[in-house]
Amino acid sequence: MKRVLESVLLLVVFASPAYASDGYLAQILLIWFVVALVLFLILRELVCWYWKINLAITLLSEIRDHLRIMRNSMTSGFAAGPAAVAGGPQQGSIGWTSRTLTGAVREGDVHALRTLIAAGADVNEKGVGGESPLDIAIAGNHIEIVKILVESGAKIEHNILGKSQIKKARELGYTEIHDFLLNHEMKRPVV
């Protein structure tokens, strides 16, 4: 916004008769300003559309995975839907809110997590907020869930600011999770 105001100020100053008696410079500056403004507006719209499309793709991917997991779980013979949960969890079943990987991780439901991983859930898929299941497990201090995820192939990553999940566990004071993740990273072969 500051640059746009500066451009307008330059246009006004250089368009005055003292700088360009024939108006040629004023016309060039006016054309430059209009072109710059149009390019700015087009670029802004492209960026907005990119983020909207990216969000839609993420949501569709999550819906696809949830439907695939639900289909697999229904054919596996455990509780399928709110009606089954209304009477309480049954032996060998998972609750309705645990039907997604992130739901199972949030609740610390080891049985549901193992079932969903066996059904093909992606342990590295990020949710809409950009959090991975491992991020959620660390934030919830679920050591058993962290172990299952890492042993199932969850990647220990850094966020946008360069902060690793190991550092996050240390900052939260979850020493058992911190030590497990650190030991796992130390054992990983360097490529």
Protein backbone atom coordinates (compact mmCIF):
# COMPACT_ATOMS: atom_id res chain seq x y z
CA MET A 1 0.00 0.00 0.00
CA LYS A 2 2.89 2.32 0.82
CA ARG A 3 4.41 1.82 -2.64
CA VAL A 4 1.08 2.54 -4.31
CA LEU A 5 0.83 5.84 -2.40
CA GLU A 6 4.41 6.69 -3.36
CA SER A 7 3.59 5.99 -7.01
CA VAL A 8 0.54 8.24 -6.87
CA LEU A 9 2.62 11.00 -5.26
CA LEU A 10 5.27 10.69 -7.99
CA LEU A 11 2.57 10.78 -10.62
CA VAL A 12 1.12 13.97 -9.18
CA VAL A 13 4.52 15.66 -8.82
CA PHE A 14 5.84 14.71 -12.25
CA ALA A 15 2.52 15.39 -13.96
CA SER A 16 2.62 19.02 -12.91
CA PRO A 17 3.29 21.54 -15.72
CA ALA A 18 6.65 22.52 -14.19
CA TYR A 19 8.12 19.07 -14.96
CA ALA A 20 6.44 18.24 -18.23
CA SER A 21 5.12 21.09 -20.26
CA ASP A 22 3.94 18.91 -23.11
CA GLY A 23 2.38 16.23 -20.85
CA TYR A 24 4.42 13.40 -22.39
CA LEU A 25 6.05 12.42 -19.08
CA ALA A 26 2.70 12.60 -17.33
CA GLN A 27 1.17 10.25 -19.88
CA ILE A 28 4.01 7.73 -19.48
CA LEU A 29 3.73 7.84 -15.69
CA LEU A 30 -0.02 7.48 -15.83
CA ILE A 31 0.27 4.45 -18.13
CA TRP A 32 2.95 2.94 -15.86
CA PHE A 33 0.78 3.48 -12.82
CA VAL A 34 -2.29 1.91 -14.44
CA VAL A 35 -0.29 -1.10 -15.67
CA ALA A 36 1.32 -1.58 -12.23
CA LEU A 37 -2.07 -1.36 -10.53
CA VAL A 38 -3.64 -3.87 -12.91
CA LEU A 39 -0.71 -6.28 -12.49
CA PHE A 40 -0.96 -5.95 -8.71
CA LEU A 41 -4.69 -6.72 -8.75
CA ILE A 42 -4.21 -9.71 -11.07
CA LEU A 43 -1.40 -11.11 -8.94
CA ARG A 44 -3.45 -10.67 -5.77
CA GLU A 45 -6.36 -12.55 -7.33
CA LEU A 46 -4.07 -15.36 -8.50
CA VAL A 47 -2.61 -15.77 -5.02
CA CYS A 48 -6.10 -15.82 -3.48
CA TRP A 49 -7.29 -18.40 -5.98
CA TYR A 50 -4.17 -20.51 -5.38
CA TRP A 51 -4.89 -20.67 -1.64
CA LYS A 52 -8.58 -21.40 -2.21
CA ILE A 53 -7.78 -24.21 -4.63
CA ASN A 54 -5.08 -25.59 -2.32
CA LEU A 55 -7.54 -25.63 0.59
CA ALA A 56 -10.21 -27.31 -1.54
CA ILE A 57 -7.76 -29.99 -2.67
CA THR A 58 -6.73 -30.64 0.92
CA LEU A 59 -10.32 -30.92 2.07
CA LEU A 60 -11.25 -33.22 -0.83
CA SER A 61 -8.24 -35.39 -0.08
CA GLU A 62 -9.26 -35.69 3.56
CA ILE A 63 -12.84 -36.52 2.60
CA ARG A 64 -11.61 -39.16 0.14
CA ASP A 65 -9.38 -40.75 2.79
CA HIS A 66 -12.14 -40.67 5.41
CA LEU A 67 -14.57 -42.32 3.01
CA ARG A 68 -11.99 -44.97 2.10
CA ILE A 69 -11.30 -45.66 5.78
CA MET A 70 -15.03 -45.82 6.55
CA ARG A 71 -15.58 -48.22 3.65
CA ASN A 72 -12.73 -50.43 4.82
CA SER A 73 -13.93 -50.32 8.42
CA MET A 74 -17.49 -51.24 7.46
CA THR A 75 -16.27 -54.27 5.57
CA SER A 76 -13.99 -55.21 8.51
CA GLY A 77 -17.00 -55.75 10.75
CA PHE A 78 -16.62 -53.15 13.47
CA ALA A 79 -19.03 -50.41 14.52
CA ALA A 80 -20.20 -48.28 11.63
CA GLY A 81 -21.60 -44.90 12.46
CA PRO A 82 -23.43 -42.99 15.14
CA ALA A 83 -26.06 -45.69 15.63
CA ALA A 84 -23.40 -48.15 16.75
CA VAL A 85 -21.83 -45.59 19.05
CA ALA A 86 -25.16 -44.57 20.60
CA GLY A 87 -25.24 -47.82 22.55
CA GLY A 88 -21.62 -47.32 23.59
CA PRO A 89 -18.49 -48.79 22.14
CA GLN A 90 -18.62 -52.47 21.37
CA GLN A 91 -15.82 -54.96 21.76
CA GLY A 92 -13.47 -54.63 18.79
CA SER A 93 -15.07 -51.37 17.65
CA ILE A 94 -13.90 -47.82 17.45
CA GLY A 95 -15.95 -44.77 18.41
CA TRP A 96 -17.53 -42.45 15.85
CA THR A 97 -15.15 -39.56 16.61
CA SER A 98 -12.15 -41.90 16.33
CA ARG A 99 -13.06 -42.86 12.75
CA THR A 100 -10.40 -40.53 11.42
CA LEU A 101 -6.69 -40.83 12.10
CA THR A 102 -6.51 -37.37 13.65
CA GLY A 103 -9.56 -38.15 15.81
CA ALA A 104 -7.93 -41.32 17.11
CA VAL A 105 -4.67 -39.45 17.77
CA ARG A 106 -6.46 -36.61 19.60
CA GLU A 107 -8.32 -39.07 21.82
CA GLY A 108 -5.26 -41.24 22.39
CA ASP A 109 -7.22 -44.27 21.12
CA VAL A 110 -4.53 -46.88 20.42
CA HIS A 111 -6.96 -49.52 19.13
CA ALA A 112 -8.60 -47.12 16.67
CA LEU A 113 -5.21 -45.85 15.52
CA ARG A 114 -3.89 -49.36 14.82
CA THR A 115 -7.13 -50.24 13.00
CA LEU A 116 -7.01 -47.12 10.83
CA ILE A 117 -3.34 -47.61 9.97
CA ALA A 118 -4.08 -51.22 9.03
CA ALA A 119 -6.93 -49.92 6.82
CA GLY A 120 -4.43 -47.74 4.94
CA ALA A 121 -4.61 -44.34 6.64
CA ASP A 122 -1.70 -42.05 5.76
CA VAL A 123 0.30 -41.31 8.93
CA ASN A 124 1.98 -38.29 7.30
CA GLU A 125 -1.04 -36.54 5.82
CA LYS A 126 -1.45 -33.03 7.13
CA GLY A 127 -4.83 -31.67 8.12
CA VAL A 128 -6.36 -28.37 7.08
CA GLY A 129 -4.35 -26.52 9.73
CA GLY A 130 -1.11 -28.05 8.50
CA GLU A 131 -0.66 -30.28 11.53
CA SER A 132 0.41 -33.86 11.06
CA PRO A 133 -0.92 -36.66 13.28
CA LEU A 134 2.50 -36.68 14.96
CA ASP A 135 2.13 -32.97 15.82
CA ILE A 136 -1.25 -33.70 17.41
CA ALA A 137 0.09 -36.68 19.37
CA ILE A 138 3.00 -34.61 20.70
CA ALA A 139 0.70 -31.75 21.72
CA GLY A 140 -1.56 -34.25 23.53
CA ASN A 141 1.39 -35.95 25.30
CA HIS A 142 0.37 -39.37 23.93
CA ILE A 143 3.67 -41.31 24.03
CA GLU A 144 2.13 -44.62 22.91
CA ILE A 145 0.47 -42.90 19.94
CA VAL A 146 3.78 -41.19 19.04
CA LYS A 147 5.56 -44.56 19.10
CA ILE A 148 2.93 -46.20 16.88
CA LEU A 149 2.99 -43.34 14.38
CA VAL A 150 6.79 -43.24 14.13
CA GLU A 151 7.01 -47.03 13.85
CA SER A 152 4.36 -46.85 11.10
CA GLY A 153 6.44 -44.41 9.07
CA ALA A 154 5.49 -40.96 10.35
CA LYS A 155 8.18 -38.45 9.43
CA ILE A 156 9.76 -36.25 12.06
CA GLU A 157 9.67 -32.83 10.41
CA HIS A 158 10.37 -29.15 10.85
CA ASN A 159 7.64 -26.55 10.59
CA ILE A 160 7.81 -23.38 8.50
CA LEU A 161 9.86 -21.59 11.16
CA GLY A 162 12.40 -24.43 11.30
CA LYS A 163 11.17 -25.73 14.66
CA SER A 164 11.33 -29.52 14.82
CA GLN A 165 8.81 -31.78 16.49
CA ILE A 166 11.61 -32.92 18.79
CA LYS A 167 12.12 -29.34 19.96
CA LYS A 168 8.35 -28.92 20.37
CA ALA A 169 8.24 -31.94 22.71
CA ARG A 170 11.15 -30.55 24.74
CA GLU A 171 9.55 -27.10 25.00
CA LEU A 172 6.27 -28.63 26.20
CA GLY A 173 8.19 -30.58 28.85
CA TYR A 174 7.31 -34.01 27.45
CA THR A 175 10.72 -35.61 28.09
CA GLU A 176 9.63 -39.16 27.32
CA ILE A 177 8.36 -38.15 23.87
CA HIS A 178 11.44 -35.94 23.34
CA ASP A 179 13.83 -38.77 24.23
CA PHE A 180 11.97 -41.29 22.04
CA LEU A 181 11.97 -38.99 18.99
CA LEU A 182 15.60 -38.03 19.52
CA ASN A 183 16.68 -41.68 19.82
CA HIS A 184 14.67 -42.55 16.71
CA GLU A 185 16.35 -39.77 14.73
CA MET A 186 19.80 -40.82 15.97
CA LYS A 187 19.20 -44.39 14.74
CA ARG A 188 18.02 -43.25 11.32
CA PRO A 189 20.66 -43.71 8.62
CA VAL A 190 22.06 -40.51 7.14
CA VAL A 191 21.53 -40.35 3.40
